[in-house]
Amino acid sequence: MNEHDVFVAAERPAPVVRAVIEAALGAAFTPGQAPELPVALATGTTMVFFHDSHPFEDDVDFPVTRYRYWVNIHDTTRNTERQLATARCVFDAVTAEGWSAMLSYGTQGHLAIYP
């Protein structure tokens, strides 16, 4: 199953961006078990991973290099509707702050871009 991703272009430090996501989802990020692992947040069976950067390059319908932060959303029970709802909540929270963002599915193209 593919995962949903939200890419965020914010001129704010990572803790500020994470705090907006935490408030929207009603849960807190916790550090990964090893330094190379991202911080993660669990909401039910859906995991939300926050990355300070990403390895992706631009492609047709995927202008990802303009975004700094990468938020990866994965539902452990393969419930794509719940996974998308969580991703949409993250997307809506960061765009409500006025930050540019892109919502994608499987990093194959975008589902929504703001602005």
Protein backbone atom coordinates (compact mmCIF):
# COMPACT_ATOMS: atom_id res chain seq x y z
CA MET A 1 0.00 0.00 0.00
CA ASN A 2 1.26 3.45 -0.87
CA GLU A 3 1.49 6.10 1.77
CA HIS A 4 0.28 9.67 1.79
CA ASP A 5 2.78 12.49 2.14
CA VAL A 6 2.53 16.16 2.94
CA PHE A 7 5.39 18.43 1.94
CA VAL A 8 5.62 21.80 3.68
CA ALA A 9 7.48 24.98 2.73
CA ALA A 10 7.65 26.96 5.94
CA GLU A 11 10.24 29.50 7.02
CA ARG A 12 9.67 28.30 10.57
CA PRO A 13 11.88 25.96 12.61
CA ALA A 14 10.90 22.29 12.62
CA PRO A 15 9.56 22.39 16.23
CA VAL A 16 7.06 25.09 15.23
CA VAL A 17 5.82 23.06 12.24
CA ARG A 18 5.59 19.90 14.37
CA ALA A 19 3.60 21.80 17.04
CA VAL A 20 0.98 22.82 14.45
CA ILE A 21 0.63 19.19 13.35
CA GLU A 22 0.46 17.97 16.95
CA ALA A 23 -2.32 20.43 17.74
CA ALA A 24 -4.30 19.35 14.68
CA LEU A 25 -3.97 15.63 15.45
CA GLY A 26 -4.21 15.85 19.24
CA ALA A 27 -1.06 13.81 19.81
CA ALA A 28 2.64 14.47 20.33
CA PHE A 29 5.65 13.49 18.26
CA THR A 30 8.25 11.33 19.99
CA PRO A 31 11.87 10.84 18.92
CA GLY A 32 12.82 7.74 16.92
CA GLN A 33 14.62 4.89 18.68
CA ALA A 34 17.86 5.73 16.85
CA PRO A 35 19.29 9.09 15.75
CA GLU A 36 18.66 8.37 12.06
CA LEU A 37 14.96 7.62 12.63
CA PRO A 38 12.42 10.45 12.29
CA VAL A 39 10.16 11.68 15.04
CA ALA A 40 6.82 9.89 14.95
CA LEU A 41 3.28 10.47 16.13
CA ALA A 42 0.63 7.77 16.47
CA THR A 43 -3.07 8.46 16.16
CA GLY A 44 -4.91 5.16 16.41
CA THR A 45 -3.45 2.84 13.77
CA THR A 46 -2.03 5.71 11.72
CA MET A 47 1.62 6.69 12.04
CA VAL A 48 2.83 10.17 11.13
CA PHE A 49 6.55 10.63 10.54
CA PHE A 50 8.15 14.09 10.42
CA HIS A 51 11.35 14.64 8.42
CA ASP A 52 13.41 17.86 8.43
CA SER A 53 14.26 17.25 4.77
CA HIS A 54 13.54 14.81 1.94
CA PRO A 55 15.45 13.01 -0.83
CA PHE A 56 12.94 13.61 -3.64
CA GLU A 57 13.47 15.46 -6.91
CA ASP A 58 10.98 17.26 -9.11
CA ASP A 59 9.04 15.24 -11.66
CA VAL A 60 5.99 15.87 -13.83
CA ASP A 61 3.12 16.90 -11.51
CA PHE A 62 5.47 16.59 -8.52
CA PRO A 63 7.26 19.91 -7.82
CA VAL A 64 8.73 18.73 -4.53
CA THR A 65 12.03 20.62 -4.32
CA ARG A 66 10.26 23.82 -3.28
CA TYR A 67 9.28 22.18 0.03
CA ARG A 68 11.52 21.81 3.06
CA TYR A 69 9.68 19.42 5.39
CA TRP A 70 8.30 15.96 4.60
CA VAL A 71 5.46 14.42 6.62
CA ASN A 72 4.85 10.76 5.79
CA ILE A 73 1.54 9.16 6.82
CA HIS A 74 1.09 5.38 7.03
CA ASP A 75 -1.89 3.44 8.35
CA THR A 76 -0.70 0.13 9.82
CA THR A 77 -4.00 -1.63 8.99
CA ARG A 78 -3.91 -0.47 5.36
CA ASN A 79 -6.98 1.70 5.75
CA THR A 80 -6.41 4.19 2.93
CA GLU A 81 -9.47 6.26 3.86
CA ARG A 82 -8.21 6.83 7.41
CA GLN A 83 -4.71 7.44 6.10
CA LEU A 84 -5.97 10.06 3.64
CA ALA A 85 -8.11 11.70 6.35
CA THR A 86 -5.04 12.05 8.56
CA ALA A 87 -2.97 13.41 5.68
CA ARG A 88 -5.73 15.87 4.80
CA CYS A 89 -5.84 17.02 8.45
CA VAL A 90 -2.08 17.68 8.38
CA PHE A 91 -2.37 19.46 5.02
CA ASP A 92 -5.27 21.62 6.26
CA ALA A 93 -3.42 22.52 9.48
CA VAL A 94 -0.25 23.70 7.77
CA THR A 95 -2.08 25.57 5.02
CA ALA A 96 -4.22 27.31 7.67
CA GLU A 97 -0.92 28.79 8.88
CA GLY A 98 -0.41 30.18 5.37
CA TRP A 99 2.44 27.79 4.60
CA SER A 100 2.75 26.37 1.10
CA ALA A 101 2.12 22.63 1.06
CA MET A 102 1.59 19.69 -1.25
CA LEU A 103 -0.43 16.55 -0.50
CA SER A 104 0.56 13.45 -2.45
CA TYR A 105 -0.14 9.73 -2.63
CA GLY A 106 2.80 7.43 -3.16
CA THR A 107 5.04 10.35 -4.21
CA GLN A 108 3.78 9.84 -7.77
CA GLY A 109 2.06 13.17 -8.17
CA HIS A 110 0.07 15.63 -6.13
CA LEU A 111 -3.50 15.45 -4.89
CA ALA A 112 -3.54 19.06 -3.71
CA ILE A 113 -1.21 22.06 -3.68
CA TYR A 114 -1.59 25.26 -1.65
CA PRO A 115 -1.45 28.01 -2.79
